[in-house]
Each structure stands twice: as structure tokens, then as C-alpha cells.
N, C-alpha and C. Protein backbone atom coordinates (compact mmCIF):
# COMPACT_ATOMS: atom_id res chain seq x y z
N UNK A 1 -62.95 39.78 -108.08
CA UNK A 1 -63.65 40.88 -109.02
C UNK A 1 -62.94 41.30 -109.96
N UNK A 2 -63.17 41.69 -111.58
CA UNK A 2 -62.39 41.94 -112.65
C UNK A 2 -62.25 43.50 -112.22
N UNK A 3 -61.03 43.86 -113.20
CA UNK A 3 -60.82 45.22 -113.03
C UNK A 3 -61.71 46.73 -113.83
N UNK A 4 -62.45 45.89 -114.33
CA UNK A 4 -63.86 46.91 -115.07
C UNK A 4 -64.96 46.96 -113.80
N UNK A 5 -65.31 46.28 -113.10
CA UNK A 5 -66.35 45.86 -112.30
C UNK A 5 -65.70 46.84 -111.19
N UNK A 6 -64.44 47.00 -110.41
CA UNK A 6 -63.57 47.63 -109.31
C UNK A 6 -63.55 48.85 -110.28
N UNK A 7 -63.87 49.44 -111.32
CA UNK A 7 -63.75 50.75 -111.79
C UNK A 7 -65.06 51.01 -111.51
N UNK A 8 -66.26 50.50 -111.91
CA UNK A 8 -67.50 50.91 -111.30
C UNK A 8 -67.69 50.95 -110.32
N UNK A 9 -67.29 50.63 -109.49
CA UNK A 9 -67.24 50.69 -107.75
C UNK A 9 -66.79 52.09 -107.32
N UNK A 10 -65.42 52.33 -108.25
CA UNK A 10 -64.16 53.86 -108.39
C UNK A 10 -65.53 54.94 -108.84
N UNK A 11 -65.98 54.63 -110.01
CA UNK A 11 -67.06 55.95 -110.44
C UNK A 11 -68.05 55.78 -109.94
N UNK A 12 -68.83 54.92 -109.14
CA UNK A 12 -70.11 55.29 -107.78
C UNK A 12 -69.13 55.90 -106.71
N UNK A 13 -68.46 55.36 -106.23
CA UNK A 13 -67.33 56.38 -105.53
C UNK A 13 -67.39 58.00 -105.35
N UNK A 14 -66.80 58.06 -106.61
CA UNK A 14 -66.59 59.50 -106.85
C UNK A 14 -67.89 60.85 -106.88
N UNK A 15 -68.93 59.39 -106.97
CA UNK A 15 -70.45 60.35 -107.09
C UNK A 15 -70.67 61.24 -105.12
N UNK A 16 -69.53 60.47 -104.54
CA UNK A 16 -69.99 61.00 -102.88
C UNK A 16 -68.86 62.32 -102.68
N UNK A 17 -67.85 62.78 -103.87
CA UNK A 17 -66.78 62.99 -103.91
C UNK A 17 -67.63 64.92 -103.14
N UNK A 18 -66.54 65.44 -101.85
CA UNK A 18 -67.09 66.66 -101.55
C UNK A 18 -65.93 67.48 -102.18
N UNK A 19 -65.81 67.91 -103.03
CA UNK A 19 -64.80 69.01 -104.09
C UNK A 19 -65.32 70.39 -104.13
N UNK A 20 -65.81 71.32 -102.86
CA UNK A 20 -66.26 72.33 -103.89
C UNK A 20 -64.74 73.38 -104.53
N UNK A 21 -63.80 73.43 -104.27
CA UNK A 21 -62.49 74.08 -104.29
C UNK A 21 -61.71 73.68 -105.51
N UNK A 22 -61.92 72.27 -105.84
CA UNK A 22 -60.97 72.05 -107.65
C UNK A 22 -61.96 72.12 -108.14
N UNK A 23 -62.97 71.11 -107.90
CA UNK A 23 -64.04 70.40 -108.58
C UNK A 23 -63.38 69.21 -109.32
N UNK A 24 -62.75 69.13 -108.51
CA UNK A 24 -62.32 67.44 -109.42
C UNK A 24 -62.32 66.27 -108.49
N UNK A 25 -63.13 65.75 -108.96
CA UNK A 25 -63.91 64.46 -108.47
C UNK A 25 -62.74 63.48 -108.19
N UNK A 26 -62.98 62.36 -107.30
CA UNK A 26 -61.86 61.64 -107.33
C UNK A 26 -62.60 60.34 -106.13
N UNK A 27 -62.36 58.92 -107.00
CA UNK A 27 -63.13 58.05 -106.36
C UNK A 27 -62.25 56.72 -106.39
N UNK A 28 -62.67 55.99 -105.39
CA UNK A 28 -61.81 54.85 -105.30
C UNK A 28 -62.49 53.39 -104.62
N UNK A 29 -62.17 52.25 -105.21
CA UNK A 29 -62.45 51.27 -104.71
C UNK A 29 -61.63 50.48 -104.76
N UNK A 30 -61.52 50.40 -102.97
CA UNK A 30 -60.30 48.96 -102.54
C UNK A 30 -60.49 47.80 -102.39
N UNK A 31 -60.47 46.68 -103.03
CA UNK A 31 -60.68 45.24 -102.64
C UNK A 31 -59.85 44.32 -101.42
N UNK A 32 -60.48 44.11 -100.56
CA UNK A 32 -59.50 43.48 -99.89
C UNK A 32 -59.35 42.05 -100.22
N UNK A 33 -58.54 41.24 -99.44
CA UNK A 33 -58.07 39.54 -99.90
C UNK A 33 -59.58 39.35 -99.43
N UNK A 34 -60.41 39.47 -98.11
CA UNK A 34 -61.62 38.96 -98.05
C UNK A 34 -62.97 39.35 -99.39
N UNK A 35 -62.42 39.81 -100.41
CA UNK A 35 -63.07 39.79 -101.10
C UNK A 35 -64.22 41.36 -101.11
N UNK A 36 -64.17 41.81 -99.57
CA UNK A 36 -64.88 42.96 -99.64
C UNK A 36 -64.51 44.14 -100.36
N UNK A 37 -65.22 45.05 -100.66
CA UNK A 37 -64.61 46.35 -101.18
C UNK A 37 -65.16 47.48 -100.76
N UNK A 38 -64.35 48.39 -100.37
CA UNK A 38 -64.62 49.59 -99.53
C UNK A 38 -64.38 50.81 -100.66
N UNK A 39 -65.27 51.56 -100.37
CA UNK A 39 -64.88 52.76 -101.66
C UNK A 39 -64.96 53.97 -100.69
N UNK A 40 -64.24 55.04 -101.51
CA UNK A 40 -64.10 56.16 -100.61
C UNK A 40 -63.61 57.31 -101.91
N UNK A 41 -64.35 58.20 -101.41
CA UNK A 41 -64.03 59.28 -102.14
C UNK A 41 -62.83 60.24 -101.70
N UNK A 42 -62.84 61.57 -102.45
CA UNK A 42 -61.76 62.64 -101.78
C UNK A 42 -62.57 63.94 -101.63
N UNK A 43 -62.17 64.09 -100.39
CA UNK A 43 -62.81 65.26 -99.55
C UNK A 43 -62.50 66.65 -98.76
N UNK A 44 -62.49 67.28 -99.54
CA UNK A 44 -61.97 68.79 -99.47
C UNK A 44 -62.14 69.48 -98.16
N UNK A 45 -61.20 70.09 -98.27
CA UNK A 45 -61.70 71.40 -96.96
C UNK A 45 -61.19 73.01 -97.09
N UNK A 46 -61.20 73.79 -96.76
CA UNK A 46 -61.35 75.12 -97.10
C UNK A 46 -59.66 75.46 -96.75
N UNK A 47 -59.31 74.70 -95.55
CA UNK A 47 -57.71 75.38 -95.71
C UNK A 47 -57.38 73.90 -96.38
N UNK A 48 -57.25 73.67 -96.86
CA UNK A 48 -56.53 72.84 -97.84
C UNK A 48 -56.04 71.31 -97.14
N UNK A 49 -54.82 71.77 -95.91
CA UNK A 49 -54.34 70.93 -95.36
C UNK A 49 -55.09 69.32 -94.85
N UNK A 50 -56.19 69.36 -94.14
CA UNK A 50 -57.02 68.61 -94.06
C UNK A 50 -57.69 67.83 -94.90
N UNK A 51 -57.64 68.13 -95.75
CA UNK A 51 -58.18 67.63 -97.55
C UNK A 51 -57.76 66.35 -96.84
N UNK A 52 -58.44 65.07 -97.66
CA UNK A 52 -58.32 63.24 -97.70
C UNK A 52 -58.42 62.63 -98.94
N UNK A 53 -57.67 62.10 -99.58
CA UNK A 53 -57.77 61.73 -100.69
C UNK A 53 -58.34 60.82 -101.04
N UNK A 54 -59.09 60.13 -102.23
CA UNK A 54 -59.92 59.11 -102.44
C UNK A 54 -59.46 57.49 -101.33
N UNK A 55 -58.24 57.00 -101.98
CA UNK A 55 -57.38 56.07 -101.79
C UNK A 55 -57.19 55.91 -100.37
N UNK A 56 -56.65 57.22 -99.71
CA UNK A 56 -57.04 57.26 -98.10
C UNK A 56 -58.20 57.18 -97.36
N UNK A 57 -59.03 57.73 -97.98
CA UNK A 57 -60.35 57.18 -97.14
C UNK A 57 -60.75 55.58 -97.73
N UNK A 58 -60.20 55.02 -98.62
CA UNK A 58 -61.21 53.76 -98.33
C UNK A 58 -59.82 53.14 -97.61
N UNK A 59 -59.31 53.04 -97.69
CA UNK A 59 -57.90 52.72 -96.88
C UNK A 59 -58.72 52.40 -95.41
N UNK A 60 -58.76 53.71 -95.01
CA UNK A 60 -58.80 54.07 -93.39
C UNK A 60 -60.56 53.39 -92.98
N UNK A 61 -61.44 53.68 -93.98
CA UNK A 61 -62.74 52.79 -93.84
C UNK A 61 -62.96 51.31 -93.72
N UNK A 62 -61.78 50.99 -94.59
CA UNK A 62 -61.61 49.32 -94.53
C UNK A 62 -61.06 49.05 -93.36
N UNK A 63 -60.00 49.88 -92.92
CA UNK A 63 -58.73 49.25 -91.74
C UNK A 63 -59.87 49.37 -90.61
N UNK A 64 -60.61 50.52 -90.20
CA UNK A 64 -61.87 50.92 -89.23
C UNK A 64 -62.30 49.54 -89.49
N UNK A 65 -62.71 48.90 -90.34
CA UNK A 65 -63.59 47.93 -90.32
C UNK A 65 -63.44 46.43 -89.91
N UNK A 66 -61.54 46.29 -89.98
CA UNK A 66 -61.11 45.15 -89.51
C UNK A 66 -60.26 44.49 -90.28
N UNK A 67 -60.87 45.17 -91.93
CA UNK A 67 -59.65 44.40 -92.93
C UNK A 67 -58.22 45.13 -93.11
N UNK A 68 -57.50 44.70 -93.69
CA UNK A 68 -55.98 44.89 -93.69
C UNK A 68 -55.11 43.82 -94.15
N UNK A 69 -55.46 43.09 -95.17
CA UNK A 69 -54.97 42.86 -96.30
C UNK A 69 -55.89 43.53 -97.82
N UNK A 70 -54.64 43.24 -98.78
CA UNK A 70 -55.50 44.25 -99.62
C UNK A 70 -54.97 43.49 -101.16
N UNK A 71 -55.81 43.31 -102.28
CA UNK A 71 -55.22 42.93 -103.86
C UNK A 71 -55.58 43.90 -104.95
N UNK A 72 -56.41 45.15 -104.62
CA UNK A 72 -55.94 46.11 -105.85
C UNK A 72 -56.77 47.14 -105.43
N UNK A 73 -56.68 48.14 -105.93
CA UNK A 73 -57.65 49.39 -105.80
C UNK A 73 -58.04 49.78 -107.10
N UNK A 74 -59.13 50.41 -107.53
CA UNK A 74 -59.15 51.04 -108.74
C UNK A 74 -59.58 52.37 -108.41
N UNK A 75 -59.21 54.12 -109.30
CA UNK A 75 -58.84 55.12 -109.03
C UNK A 75 -59.52 55.56 -109.98
N UNK A 76 -60.75 56.40 -109.85
CA UNK A 76 -61.23 57.03 -110.98
C UNK A 76 -61.50 58.67 -111.05
N UNK A 77 -60.95 59.60 -111.00
CA UNK A 77 -60.85 60.58 -110.92
C UNK A 77 -60.75 62.08 -112.41
N UNK A 78 -61.61 62.72 -112.40
CA UNK A 78 -61.78 63.61 -113.82
C UNK A 78 -62.75 64.62 -112.80
N UNK A 79 -62.77 65.79 -113.73
CA UNK A 79 -63.32 67.03 -113.72
C UNK A 79 -65.07 66.97 -113.07
N UNK A 80 -65.32 67.80 -112.40
CA UNK A 80 -67.40 67.70 -112.03
C UNK A 80 -67.67 67.25 -113.36
N UNK A 81 -67.44 68.30 -114.54
CA UNK A 81 -68.21 68.02 -115.31
C UNK A 81 -68.40 66.68 -116.57
N UNK A 82 -67.80 65.65 -115.82
CA UNK A 82 -67.68 64.22 -115.88
C UNK A 82 -66.90 64.00 -117.32
N UNK A 83 -65.79 65.07 -117.71
CA UNK A 83 -65.63 64.49 -118.99
C UNK A 83 -64.05 64.39 -118.69
N UNK A 84 -63.34 62.81 -118.72
CA UNK A 84 -62.23 62.80 -118.51
C UNK A 84 -61.18 63.42 -119.25
N UNK A 85 -60.08 64.32 -119.33
CA UNK A 85 -59.41 65.04 -120.01
C UNK A 85 -58.20 64.74 -119.54
N UNK A 86 -56.79 63.88 -119.89
CA UNK A 86 -55.54 64.16 -119.52
C UNK A 86 -54.97 63.92 -120.66
N UNK A 87 -53.50 64.35 -120.22
CA UNK A 87 -52.07 63.96 -121.21
C UNK A 87 -52.30 62.65 -121.00
N UNK A 88 -51.26 62.28 -122.09
CA UNK A 88 -50.69 60.96 -121.73
C UNK A 88 -49.73 61.10 -120.39
N UNK A 89 -49.20 60.09 -119.26
CA UNK A 89 -50.08 59.01 -119.72
C UNK A 89 -51.83 59.38 -118.69
N UNK A 90 -53.07 59.13 -119.10
CA UNK A 90 -53.92 59.51 -118.61
C UNK A 90 -54.16 58.95 -117.41
N UNK A 91 -55.44 60.01 -116.47
CA UNK A 91 -55.56 58.98 -114.94
C UNK A 91 -55.28 59.88 -113.97
N UNK A 92 -55.94 59.63 -113.06
CA UNK A 92 -55.40 60.09 -111.59
C UNK A 92 -54.56 59.40 -110.82
N UNK A 93 -53.62 59.23 -111.26
CA UNK A 93 -53.07 58.55 -110.21
C UNK A 93 -52.22 58.91 -109.38
N UNK A 94 -52.60 58.07 -107.69
CA UNK A 94 -52.28 58.50 -106.48
C UNK A 94 -50.84 59.42 -106.19
N UNK A 95 -51.40 59.98 -105.14
CA UNK A 95 -50.20 61.32 -104.52
C UNK A 95 -49.09 60.62 -104.13
N UNK A 96 -48.47 60.98 -103.65
CA UNK A 96 -47.04 60.41 -102.68
C UNK A 96 -47.81 59.65 -101.18
N UNK A 97 -48.16 60.50 -100.60
CA UNK A 97 -48.58 60.02 -98.94
C UNK A 97 -49.67 58.72 -99.60
N UNK A 98 -50.63 58.67 -100.57
CA UNK A 98 -51.51 57.67 -100.81
C UNK A 98 -50.53 56.40 -100.99
N UNK A 99 -49.54 57.01 -101.72
CA UNK A 99 -49.07 55.19 -102.40
C UNK A 99 -48.03 55.07 -100.59
N UNK A 100 -47.47 56.22 -99.89
CA UNK A 100 -46.99 55.43 -99.03
C UNK A 100 -47.90 54.88 -97.69
N UNK A 101 -49.43 55.04 -97.49
CA UNK A 101 -50.09 54.14 -97.39
C UNK A 101 -50.30 53.13 -97.74
N UNK A 102 -50.52 53.11 -99.10
CA UNK A 102 -50.29 51.46 -99.25
C UNK A 102 -48.98 50.76 -99.22
N UNK A 103 -48.17 51.51 -99.35
CA UNK A 103 -46.69 50.79 -98.51
C UNK A 103 -46.68 50.02 -97.28
N UNK A 104 -47.86 50.64 -96.66
CA UNK A 104 -47.44 50.26 -95.27
C UNK A 104 -48.11 49.24 -94.96
N UNK A 105 -49.55 48.85 -95.66
CA UNK A 105 -50.58 47.83 -95.50
C UNK A 105 -50.62 46.45 -96.96
N UNK A 106 -49.77 46.69 -97.89
CA UNK A 106 -50.35 45.94 -99.51
C UNK A 106 -48.30 45.35 -99.54
N UNK A 107 -48.83 44.23 -100.49
CA UNK A 107 -47.89 43.93 -101.03
C UNK A 107 -46.92 44.49 -102.29
N UNK A 108 -45.87 45.33 -102.34
CA UNK A 108 -45.63 46.64 -103.26
C UNK A 108 -45.46 45.37 -104.78
N UNK A 109 -45.16 44.14 -104.15
CA UNK A 109 -44.82 43.29 -105.93
C UNK A 109 -46.10 42.82 -106.63
N UNK A 110 -47.51 42.39 -105.68
CA UNK A 110 -48.38 41.87 -106.14
C UNK A 110 -49.84 42.55 -105.93
N UNK A 111 -49.71 43.90 -105.10
CA UNK A 111 -50.38 44.83 -105.23
C UNK A 111 -51.08 45.98 -106.32
N UNK A 112 -52.14 45.52 -106.93
CA UNK A 112 -52.53 46.55 -108.22
C UNK A 112 -53.58 47.75 -107.92
N UNK A 113 -52.74 48.55 -109.08
CA UNK A 113 -53.12 49.67 -108.85
C UNK A 113 -53.59 50.07 -110.53
N UNK A 114 -55.28 50.12 -110.01
CA UNK A 114 -56.25 50.26 -111.61
C UNK A 114 -56.46 51.60 -111.90
N UNK A 115 -56.03 52.83 -113.28
CA UNK A 115 -55.93 54.00 -113.01
C UNK A 115 -57.23 53.84 -114.03
N UNK A 116 -58.10 54.14 -113.95
CA UNK A 116 -59.47 54.45 -114.80
C UNK A 116 -59.14 55.85 -115.51
N UNK A 117 -58.90 55.56 -117.04
CA UNK A 117 -58.90 56.89 -118.21
C UNK A 117 -60.41 57.37 -118.36
N UNK A 118 -61.37 55.97 -118.26
CA UNK A 118 -62.62 56.63 -118.91
C UNK A 118 -63.19 55.26 -117.77
N UNK A 119 -64.91 55.20 -118.21
CA UNK A 119 -65.31 54.36 -117.58
C UNK A 119 -65.07 52.67 -118.53
N UNK A 120 -64.14 53.08 -119.41
CA UNK A 120 -63.88 51.74 -120.46
C UNK A 120 -62.73 51.37 -120.69
N UNK A 121 -61.85 52.44 -120.83
CA UNK A 121 -60.15 52.08 -120.50
C UNK A 121 -59.79 52.79 -119.37
N UNK A 122 -58.63 52.01 -119.10
CA UNK A 122 -57.74 51.96 -117.87
C UNK A 122 -56.03 50.93 -117.93
N UNK A 123 -55.16 51.14 -117.18
CA UNK A 123 -53.62 50.82 -117.10
C UNK A 123 -53.73 50.33 -115.92
N UNK A 124 -53.04 49.24 -115.62
CA UNK A 124 -52.81 48.54 -114.09
C UNK A 124 -51.59 48.72 -114.04
N UNK A 125 -50.90 49.05 -112.90
CA UNK A 125 -49.44 48.45 -112.43
C UNK A 125 -49.17 48.46 -110.65
N UNK A 126 -48.35 47.69 -110.69
CA UNK A 126 -48.18 47.30 -108.77
C UNK A 126 -47.61 48.19 -108.78
N UNK A 127 -48.09 48.09 -107.14
CA UNK A 127 -47.02 49.19 -106.36
C UNK A 127 -45.85 49.77 -106.59
N UNK A 128 -45.21 48.51 -106.77
CA UNK A 128 -43.86 48.60 -106.76
C UNK A 128 -42.99 49.42 -108.14
N UNK A 129 -44.06 49.42 -108.79
CA UNK A 129 -44.11 50.13 -110.09
C UNK A 129 -43.40 51.07 -110.29
N UNK A 130 -44.87 51.97 -109.76
CA UNK A 130 -45.41 53.48 -108.76
C UNK A 130 -44.78 53.74 -107.95
N UNK A 131 -43.60 52.70 -107.42
CA UNK A 131 -43.41 53.42 -105.75
C UNK A 131 -41.94 52.75 -105.73
N UNK A 132 -41.43 52.35 -106.61
CA UNK A 132 -40.41 52.43 -106.92
C UNK A 132 -39.09 52.57 -105.47
N UNK A 133 -38.71 51.50 -105.09
CA UNK A 133 -37.72 51.81 -103.59
C UNK A 133 -38.43 52.11 -102.69
N UNK A 134 -39.90 52.02 -101.92
CA UNK A 134 -40.74 52.56 -101.20
C UNK A 134 -39.91 51.90 -99.65
N UNK A 135 -40.87 52.69 -99.03
CA UNK A 135 -40.13 52.60 -97.48
C UNK A 135 -41.18 51.72 -96.70
N UNK A 136 -41.39 50.80 -96.16
CA UNK A 136 -42.15 50.12 -95.60
C UNK A 136 -42.11 49.26 -94.68
N UNK A 137 -43.01 49.11 -93.95
CA UNK A 137 -42.76 47.84 -92.11
C UNK A 137 -41.64 46.94 -92.35
N UNK A 138 -41.24 46.72 -93.63
CA UNK A 138 -40.23 45.62 -93.79
C UNK A 138 -39.00 46.27 -93.87
N UNK A 139 -38.37 47.86 -93.94
CA UNK A 139 -37.39 48.65 -93.63
C UNK A 139 -37.38 48.43 -92.09
N UNK A 140 -38.27 48.24 -91.32
CA UNK A 140 -38.13 48.58 -89.65
C UNK A 140 -37.88 47.05 -88.73
N UNK A 141 -37.41 45.94 -89.54
CA UNK A 141 -37.10 45.00 -89.24
C UNK A 141 -35.16 44.72 -89.24
């Protein structure tokens, strides 16, 4: 699956966002090594702490369905009004907790994180670029 197709999946996932407090809707599309795509959206909570990011929603869905190897994730996030508004560099990058979850299940050198600036423009990074010196399962061996 190419980057544009994965971004379109993330945009579709964004439509399921439950974000009544921030009105910032995020969707993620996680590509498993099997070729399956797992969608996730952000799910907010009035108490804030139980809020879950779109990226982790996608990972937990995939893991609960038996997929445990991943190649890429696309993330599409912008305000509810549908107008992406970002300062440079634009896009909704994954938070530190989501990056740590990625470290648990992905090869940091090859796992690709695709940040949608809008439906036609994106930036791609490896997990190693976004989480240098990350801590993962290999550190415990």
C-alpha cells in the first residue's frame, strides 16, 4: 500500500474521532506486515487522563486481532472544521506515549511514520528519526 492510500485510510478513521473537548480530530491507519490496515481515532474523556490517541487505538486494535508486526502508520489530524492549520513543520505528530508504544512493536530503523499535512501533502520519517535513543524490548536483553 502506498503512502497516499494509507493517508486516505487515516482520513476515514479521523471521521470516527470522539473529540468534544479539543475539537481536534485525529485518525491513524496502521499497516501490518500482513497487508491489513487497522484504523484508529482519538477518543477523548472528560477526565482527560483516560483519553486515547488515534495511534494507540490503531495499535491496540491490531494487537487484539493478532497482528504484531508493522511497517507503517499514517496520521491525519486537524481541527474539526476540516481545515488543516499548522506552523512549520506541519502535521499532527505522535505524542511521546505513542512513540513509546511504537518502540515496543516496531523496528525503529524501518518503521515509517507518515504525517498528513492535508489529503495531498505529507512528510515521512522513520521511528528512529522521531525517537532517537528510544528504549525498547532490545534494551532489556
